[in-house]
Amino acid sequence: MDNFDAHKWFKKQYLEEGMSDKEYAKAKEAERLENHPEKDKIKAIQAMMAKEKPLKENMSPGEAVVELNYYMDDLQDISAAVSRIMEQYFPTEFAQGDAYGAFDFGSSRNQYDTTFESILDDLASVGDDME
């Protein structure tokens, strides 16, 4: 118990008493994150998720296709990141998932599958006609 700081403990208890249940849960989650061994990766993923853009009003079909392509690019980036992490830390599971295209978010190696990517390809030509 050499590292126990009574002043710090009492201060923490005092602050927690004044919190709502929601604030307390949020503070506990932040504390768990700070103590997590891969907190930098978790924070990077949270930042990426927080970048959600509000939906633009009154887009033309062509503008909507461009916007959807940005999301497809994001999916490809996420797929690559997930693949790297899986390959490095879980090589057996990576090999199995990679064989089935489990990390190809929004796309497929099977040309007959309907995917977000194939729909976007179709919309690219239709979007030009709609303009």
N, C-alpha and C. Protein backbone atom coordinates (compact mmCIF):
# COMPACT_ATOMS: atom_id res chain seq x y z
N MET A 1 0.82 -1.20 0.00
CA MET A 1 0.00 0.00 0.00
C MET A 1 0.86 1.26 0.00
N ASP A 2 2.09 1.14 -0.43
CA ASP A 2 2.98 2.29 -0.46
C ASP A 2 2.47 3.38 -1.39
N ASN A 3 1.74 2.98 -2.44
CA ASN A 3 1.31 3.96 -3.44
C ASN A 3 -0.05 4.58 -3.14
N PHE A 4 -0.70 4.21 -2.03
CA PHE A 4 -2.02 4.72 -1.73
C PHE A 4 -1.94 6.18 -1.31
N ASP A 5 -2.75 7.01 -1.98
CA ASP A 5 -2.79 8.44 -1.68
C ASP A 5 -4.18 8.75 -1.12
N ALA A 6 -4.27 8.90 0.18
CA ALA A 6 -5.56 9.11 0.83
C ALA A 6 -6.23 10.39 0.34
N HIS A 7 -5.47 11.45 0.16
CA HIS A 7 -6.03 12.72 -0.30
C HIS A 7 -6.67 12.55 -1.68
N LYS A 8 -5.98 11.87 -2.56
CA LYS A 8 -6.49 11.64 -3.91
C LYS A 8 -7.76 10.79 -3.87
N TRP A 9 -7.76 9.76 -3.00
CA TRP A 9 -8.92 8.88 -2.89
C TRP A 9 -10.15 9.64 -2.39
N PHE A 10 -9.97 10.46 -1.34
CA PHE A 10 -11.10 11.22 -0.80
C PHE A 10 -11.60 12.25 -1.82
N LYS A 11 -10.69 12.86 -2.53
CA LYS A 11 -11.10 13.83 -3.56
C LYS A 11 -11.94 13.15 -4.64
N LYS A 12 -11.50 11.98 -5.07
CA LYS A 12 -12.23 11.21 -6.09
C LYS A 12 -13.62 10.84 -5.58
N GLN A 13 -13.71 10.38 -4.32
CA GLN A 13 -15.00 10.00 -3.74
C GLN A 13 -15.93 11.21 -3.66
N TYR A 14 -15.39 12.35 -3.26
CA TYR A 14 -16.18 13.57 -3.15
C TYR A 14 -16.73 13.99 -4.51
N LEU A 15 -15.89 13.94 -5.53
CA LEU A 15 -16.33 14.32 -6.87
C LEU A 15 -17.38 13.36 -7.42
N GLU A 16 -17.20 12.07 -7.14
CA GLU A 16 -18.15 11.08 -7.64
C GLU A 16 -19.52 11.24 -7.00
N GLU A 17 -19.58 11.68 -5.74
CA GLU A 17 -20.86 11.86 -5.06
C GLU A 17 -21.72 12.91 -5.75
N GLY A 18 -21.11 13.92 -6.31
CA GLY A 18 -21.85 15.00 -6.94
C GLY A 18 -22.25 14.70 -8.39
N MET A 19 -21.88 13.54 -8.91
CA MET A 19 -22.16 13.21 -10.30
C MET A 19 -23.51 12.51 -10.45
N SER A 20 -24.13 12.74 -11.59
CA SER A 20 -25.31 11.96 -11.92
C SER A 20 -24.85 10.57 -12.34
N ASP A 21 -25.80 9.65 -12.46
CA ASP A 21 -25.43 8.28 -12.87
C ASP A 21 -24.77 8.30 -14.25
N LYS A 22 -25.28 9.13 -15.13
CA LYS A 22 -24.74 9.23 -16.48
C LYS A 22 -23.32 9.78 -16.46
N GLU A 23 -23.10 10.83 -15.68
CA GLU A 23 -21.76 11.42 -15.57
C GLU A 23 -20.77 10.43 -14.94
N TYR A 24 -21.25 9.69 -13.95
CA TYR A 24 -20.40 8.71 -13.28
C TYR A 24 -19.98 7.60 -14.25
N ALA A 25 -20.95 7.11 -15.03
CA ALA A 25 -20.65 6.05 -16.00
C ALA A 25 -19.66 6.55 -17.04
N LYS A 26 -19.83 7.78 -17.48
CA LYS A 26 -18.91 8.36 -18.46
C LYS A 26 -17.50 8.51 -17.88
N ALA A 27 -17.42 8.94 -16.63
CA ALA A 27 -16.12 9.09 -15.98
C ALA A 27 -15.43 7.74 -15.79
N LYS A 28 -16.21 6.72 -15.43
CA LYS A 28 -15.64 5.38 -15.27
C LYS A 28 -15.13 4.84 -16.61
N GLU A 29 -15.89 5.09 -17.67
CA GLU A 29 -15.47 4.64 -19.00
C GLU A 29 -14.17 5.34 -19.41
N ALA A 30 -14.07 6.64 -19.14
CA ALA A 30 -12.85 7.39 -19.46
C ALA A 30 -11.66 6.85 -18.66
N GLU A 31 -11.92 6.51 -17.41
CA GLU A 31 -10.85 5.95 -16.56
C GLU A 31 -10.38 4.59 -17.10
N ARG A 32 -11.34 3.75 -17.51
CA ARG A 32 -10.97 2.44 -18.08
C ARG A 32 -10.15 2.62 -19.35
N LEU A 33 -10.55 3.61 -20.17
CA LEU A 33 -9.83 3.87 -21.41
C LEU A 33 -8.40 4.30 -21.13
N GLU A 34 -8.22 5.16 -20.15
CA GLU A 34 -6.88 5.65 -19.81
C GLU A 34 -5.97 4.52 -19.32
N ASN A 35 -6.55 3.50 -18.73
CA ASN A 35 -5.76 2.38 -18.21
C ASN A 35 -5.63 1.23 -19.21
N HIS A 36 -6.26 1.36 -20.36
CA HIS A 36 -6.24 0.28 -21.35
C HIS A 36 -4.89 0.27 -22.08
N PRO A 37 -4.31 -0.91 -22.31
CA PRO A 37 -2.99 -0.97 -22.96
C PRO A 37 -2.98 -0.46 -24.40
N GLU A 38 -4.13 -0.48 -25.08
CA GLU A 38 -4.18 -0.01 -26.46
C GLU A 38 -5.04 1.23 -26.59
N LYS A 39 -4.92 2.13 -25.60
CA LYS A 39 -5.78 3.31 -25.58
C LYS A 39 -5.59 4.21 -26.80
N ASP A 40 -4.40 4.27 -27.36
CA ASP A 40 -4.17 5.12 -28.53
C ASP A 40 -4.97 4.63 -29.73
N LYS A 41 -5.00 3.32 -29.93
CA LYS A 41 -5.78 2.76 -31.04
C LYS A 41 -7.27 2.99 -30.83
N ILE A 42 -7.72 2.81 -29.59
CA ILE A 42 -9.13 3.01 -29.29
C ILE A 42 -9.52 4.47 -29.53
N LYS A 43 -8.66 5.39 -29.09
CA LYS A 43 -8.95 6.81 -29.29
C LYS A 43 -8.96 7.17 -30.77
N ALA A 44 -8.10 6.55 -31.56
CA ALA A 44 -8.07 6.81 -33.00
C ALA A 44 -9.37 6.33 -33.65
N ILE A 45 -9.85 5.17 -33.23
CA ILE A 45 -11.11 4.66 -33.78
C ILE A 45 -12.27 5.56 -33.35
N GLN A 46 -12.27 5.99 -32.10
CA GLN A 46 -13.33 6.89 -31.64
C GLN A 46 -13.31 8.20 -32.41
N ALA A 47 -12.12 8.72 -32.69
CA ALA A 47 -12.01 9.96 -33.46
C ALA A 47 -12.54 9.78 -34.87
N MET A 48 -12.24 8.62 -35.46
CA MET A 48 -12.71 8.34 -36.80
C MET A 48 -14.24 8.26 -36.82
N MET A 49 -14.80 7.64 -35.79
CA MET A 49 -16.25 7.52 -35.72
C MET A 49 -16.91 8.88 -35.47
N ALA A 50 -16.22 9.75 -34.77
CA ALA A 50 -16.78 11.06 -34.45
C ALA A 50 -16.77 12.01 -35.65
N LYS A 51 -16.05 11.62 -36.71
CA LYS A 51 -15.96 12.49 -37.88
C LYS A 51 -17.21 12.45 -38.75
N GLU A 52 -18.26 11.82 -38.26
CA GLU A 52 -19.47 11.68 -39.05
C GLU A 52 -19.95 13.06 -39.49
N LYS A 53 -20.16 13.17 -40.77
CA LYS A 53 -20.58 14.45 -41.33
C LYS A 53 -22.10 14.52 -41.37
N PRO A 54 -22.64 15.70 -41.12
CA PRO A 54 -24.10 15.82 -41.25
C PRO A 54 -24.50 15.68 -42.73
N LEU A 55 -25.66 15.12 -42.96
CA LEU A 55 -26.14 14.90 -44.31
C LEU A 55 -26.44 16.25 -44.96
N LYS A 56 -25.85 16.45 -46.11
CA LYS A 56 -26.03 17.68 -46.84
C LYS A 56 -27.45 17.73 -47.41
N GLU A 57 -28.11 18.85 -47.26
CA GLU A 57 -29.49 19.00 -47.74
C GLU A 57 -29.50 19.32 -49.23
N ASN A 58 -30.54 18.85 -49.90
CA ASN A 58 -30.81 19.16 -51.30
C ASN A 58 -29.64 18.83 -52.23
N MET A 59 -29.08 17.65 -52.09
CA MET A 59 -28.01 17.21 -52.99
C MET A 59 -28.63 16.74 -54.30
N SER A 60 -27.88 16.93 -55.36
CA SER A 60 -28.28 16.34 -56.63
C SER A 60 -27.86 14.87 -56.59
N PRO A 61 -28.41 14.03 -57.45
CA PRO A 61 -27.98 12.63 -57.48
C PRO A 61 -26.47 12.49 -57.71
N GLY A 62 -25.91 13.32 -58.55
CA GLY A 62 -24.47 13.26 -58.80
C GLY A 62 -23.67 13.59 -57.55
N GLU A 63 -24.12 14.61 -56.80
CA GLU A 63 -23.44 14.97 -55.54
C GLU A 63 -23.57 13.84 -54.51
N ALA A 64 -24.74 13.19 -54.51
CA ALA A 64 -24.95 12.09 -53.58
C ALA A 64 -24.00 10.93 -53.89
N VAL A 65 -23.78 10.65 -55.18
CA VAL A 65 -22.85 9.59 -55.58
C VAL A 65 -21.44 9.95 -55.13
N VAL A 66 -21.06 11.20 -55.28
CA VAL A 66 -19.72 11.63 -54.84
C VAL A 66 -19.59 11.45 -53.33
N GLU A 67 -20.62 11.84 -52.59
CA GLU A 67 -20.62 11.69 -51.13
C GLU A 67 -20.52 10.21 -50.74
N LEU A 68 -21.25 9.36 -51.42
CA LEU A 68 -21.20 7.92 -51.14
C LEU A 68 -19.83 7.34 -51.45
N ASN A 69 -19.18 7.86 -52.47
CA ASN A 69 -17.82 7.41 -52.79
C ASN A 69 -16.84 7.76 -51.68
N TYR A 70 -17.04 8.90 -51.02
CA TYR A 70 -16.19 9.24 -49.87
C TYR A 70 -16.34 8.18 -48.78
N TYR A 71 -17.58 7.75 -48.54
CA TYR A 71 -17.81 6.73 -47.54
C TYR A 71 -17.19 5.39 -47.95
N MET A 72 -17.25 5.09 -49.24
CA MET A 72 -16.62 3.86 -49.73
C MET A 72 -15.11 3.92 -49.50
N ASP A 73 -14.51 5.08 -49.73
CA ASP A 73 -13.08 5.24 -49.46
C ASP A 73 -12.78 5.00 -47.98
N ASP A 74 -13.65 5.54 -47.11
CA ASP A 74 -13.47 5.33 -45.67
C ASP A 74 -13.56 3.84 -45.33
N LEU A 75 -14.52 3.15 -45.93
CA LEU A 75 -14.66 1.71 -45.69
C LEU A 75 -13.40 0.95 -46.12
N GLN A 76 -12.83 1.34 -47.24
CA GLN A 76 -11.61 0.68 -47.70
C GLN A 76 -10.44 0.94 -46.75
N ASP A 77 -10.36 2.16 -46.22
CA ASP A 77 -9.31 2.47 -45.24
C ASP A 77 -9.50 1.65 -43.96
N ILE A 78 -10.75 1.56 -43.51
CA ILE A 78 -11.04 0.78 -42.31
C ILE A 78 -10.73 -0.70 -42.55
N SER A 79 -11.09 -1.20 -43.72
CA SER A 79 -10.79 -2.60 -44.07
C SER A 79 -9.30 -2.88 -43.99
N ALA A 80 -8.50 -1.97 -44.54
CA ALA A 80 -7.05 -2.15 -44.52
C ALA A 80 -6.52 -2.13 -43.08
N ALA A 81 -7.03 -1.21 -42.26
CA ALA A 81 -6.57 -1.12 -40.87
C ALA A 81 -6.94 -2.38 -40.09
N VAL A 82 -8.18 -2.84 -40.26
CA VAL A 82 -8.63 -4.04 -39.57
C VAL A 82 -7.78 -5.24 -40.01
N SER A 83 -7.52 -5.34 -41.30
CA SER A 83 -6.71 -6.45 -41.81
C SER A 83 -5.32 -6.46 -41.20
N ARG A 84 -4.70 -5.28 -41.11
CA ARG A 84 -3.36 -5.20 -40.53
C ARG A 84 -3.36 -5.64 -39.07
N ILE A 85 -4.34 -5.17 -38.31
CA ILE A 85 -4.42 -5.52 -36.89
C ILE A 85 -4.67 -7.02 -36.73
N MET A 86 -5.62 -7.54 -37.50
CA MET A 86 -5.93 -8.97 -37.41
C MET A 86 -4.72 -9.81 -37.78
N GLU A 87 -4.04 -9.43 -38.85
CA GLU A 87 -2.88 -10.20 -39.30
C GLU A 87 -1.76 -10.19 -38.27
N GLN A 88 -1.56 -9.05 -37.63
CA GLN A 88 -0.47 -8.93 -36.66
C GLN A 88 -0.78 -9.65 -35.35
N TYR A 89 -2.00 -9.49 -34.83
CA TYR A 89 -2.31 -10.01 -33.50
C TYR A 89 -3.07 -11.34 -33.49
N PHE A 90 -3.78 -11.62 -34.59
CA PHE A 90 -4.58 -12.84 -34.65
C PHE A 90 -4.38 -13.51 -36.01
N PRO A 91 -3.19 -14.01 -36.30
CA PRO A 91 -2.88 -14.52 -37.63
C PRO A 91 -3.76 -15.69 -38.08
N THR A 92 -4.11 -16.58 -37.18
CA THR A 92 -4.96 -17.73 -37.57
C THR A 92 -6.34 -17.25 -37.99
N GLU A 93 -6.94 -16.38 -37.17
CA GLU A 93 -8.27 -15.85 -37.48
C GLU A 93 -8.21 -14.97 -38.73
N PHE A 94 -7.10 -14.25 -38.90
CA PHE A 94 -6.94 -13.43 -40.09
C PHE A 94 -6.95 -14.30 -41.35
N ALA A 95 -6.19 -15.39 -41.33
CA ALA A 95 -6.11 -16.26 -42.50
C ALA A 95 -7.49 -16.78 -42.89
N GLN A 96 -8.26 -17.20 -41.91
CA GLN A 96 -9.61 -17.69 -42.19
C GLN A 96 -10.50 -16.57 -42.71
N GLY A 97 -10.51 -15.43 -42.02
CA GLY A 97 -11.35 -14.31 -42.44
C GLY A 97 -10.96 -13.77 -43.80
N ASP A 98 -9.67 -13.71 -44.06
CA ASP A 98 -9.19 -13.20 -45.34
C ASP A 98 -9.59 -14.13 -46.48
N ALA A 99 -9.56 -15.43 -46.23
CA ALA A 99 -9.95 -16.40 -47.26
C ALA A 99 -11.40 -16.20 -47.69
N TYR A 100 -12.24 -15.75 -46.76
CA TYR A 100 -13.65 -15.53 -47.07
C TYR A 100 -13.98 -14.06 -47.37
N GLY A 101 -12.98 -13.20 -47.38
CA GLY A 101 -13.23 -11.78 -47.67
C GLY A 101 -13.94 -11.06 -46.54
N ALA A 102 -13.78 -11.56 -45.30
CA ALA A 102 -14.47 -10.97 -44.16
C ALA A 102 -14.04 -9.54 -43.87
N PHE A 103 -12.89 -9.15 -44.35
CA PHE A 103 -12.39 -7.81 -44.05
C PHE A 103 -12.55 -6.86 -45.23
N ASP A 104 -13.27 -7.28 -46.24
CA ASP A 104 -13.52 -6.43 -47.41
C ASP A 104 -14.84 -5.69 -47.21
N PHE A 105 -14.84 -4.71 -46.35
CA PHE A 105 -16.07 -3.99 -46.01
C PHE A 105 -16.59 -3.21 -47.22
N GLY A 106 -17.83 -3.48 -47.57
CA GLY A 106 -18.46 -2.77 -48.68
C GLY A 106 -18.17 -3.36 -50.04
N SER A 107 -17.36 -4.40 -50.10
CA SER A 107 -17.02 -4.99 -51.40
C SER A 107 -16.93 -6.51 -51.25
N SER A 108 -16.72 -7.18 -52.37
CA SER A 108 -16.60 -8.63 -52.36
C SER A 108 -15.71 -9.05 -53.52
N ARG A 109 -15.02 -10.16 -53.32
CA ARG A 109 -14.19 -10.71 -54.40
C ARG A 109 -15.05 -11.47 -55.42
N ASN A 110 -16.26 -11.81 -55.02
CA ASN A 110 -17.18 -12.52 -55.89
C ASN A 110 -17.92 -11.50 -56.76
N GLN A 111 -17.73 -11.57 -58.05
CA GLN A 111 -18.31 -10.58 -58.95
C GLN A 111 -19.84 -10.64 -58.98
N TYR A 112 -20.43 -11.72 -58.49
CA TYR A 112 -21.88 -11.87 -58.52
C TYR A 112 -22.55 -11.37 -57.24
N ASP A 113 -21.77 -11.01 -56.22
CA ASP A 113 -22.33 -10.49 -54.99
C ASP A 113 -22.80 -9.05 -55.20
N THR A 114 -23.93 -8.72 -54.59
CA THR A 114 -24.37 -7.32 -54.56
C THR A 114 -23.74 -6.69 -53.33
N THR A 115 -22.96 -5.65 -53.56
CA THR A 115 -22.26 -4.97 -52.48
C THR A 115 -22.47 -3.48 -52.61
N PHE A 116 -22.06 -2.76 -51.59
CA PHE A 116 -22.12 -1.30 -51.63
C PHE A 116 -21.29 -0.79 -52.81
N GLU A 117 -20.13 -1.39 -53.00
CA GLU A 117 -19.24 -0.97 -54.10
C GLU A 117 -19.89 -1.19 -55.47
N SER A 118 -20.53 -2.36 -55.65
CA SER A 118 -21.15 -2.62 -56.96
C SER A 118 -22.35 -1.71 -57.19
N ILE A 119 -23.08 -1.41 -56.14
CA ILE A 119 -24.20 -0.47 -56.27
C ILE A 119 -23.69 0.90 -56.64
N LEU A 120 -22.59 1.33 -56.02
CA LEU A 120 -21.99 2.63 -56.35
C LEU A 120 -21.54 2.68 -57.80
N ASP A 121 -20.96 1.59 -58.27
CA ASP A 121 -20.54 1.54 -59.68
C ASP A 121 -21.75 1.75 -60.60
N ASP A 122 -22.86 1.10 -60.27
CA ASP A 122 -24.07 1.28 -61.07
C ASP A 122 -24.60 2.70 -60.96
N LEU A 123 -24.56 3.27 -59.76
CA LEU A 123 -25.07 4.63 -59.57
C LEU A 123 -24.23 5.67 -60.27
N ALA A 124 -22.95 5.40 -60.46
CA ALA A 124 -22.09 6.37 -61.13
C ALA A 124 -22.59 6.66 -62.54
N SER A 125 -23.01 5.63 -63.24
CA SER A 125 -23.52 5.84 -64.60
C SER A 125 -24.95 6.39 -64.55
N VAL A 126 -25.75 5.94 -63.62
CA VAL A 126 -27.13 6.43 -63.50
C VAL A 126 -27.14 7.87 -63.03
N GLY A 127 -26.23 8.22 -62.12
CA GLY A 127 -26.15 9.59 -61.61
C GLY A 127 -25.91 10.60 -62.71
N ASP A 128 -25.08 10.22 -63.70
CA ASP A 128 -24.83 11.10 -64.84
C ASP A 128 -26.11 11.33 -65.63
N ASP A 129 -26.91 10.29 -65.81
CA ASP A 129 -28.16 10.41 -66.54
C ASP A 129 -29.18 11.23 -65.80
N MET A 130 -29.16 11.16 -64.45
CA MET A 130 -30.13 11.90 -63.63
C MET A 130 -29.83 13.39 -63.63
N GLU A 131 -28.58 13.77 -63.83
CA GLU A 131 -28.20 15.18 -63.81
C GLU A 131 -28.91 15.87 -64.90
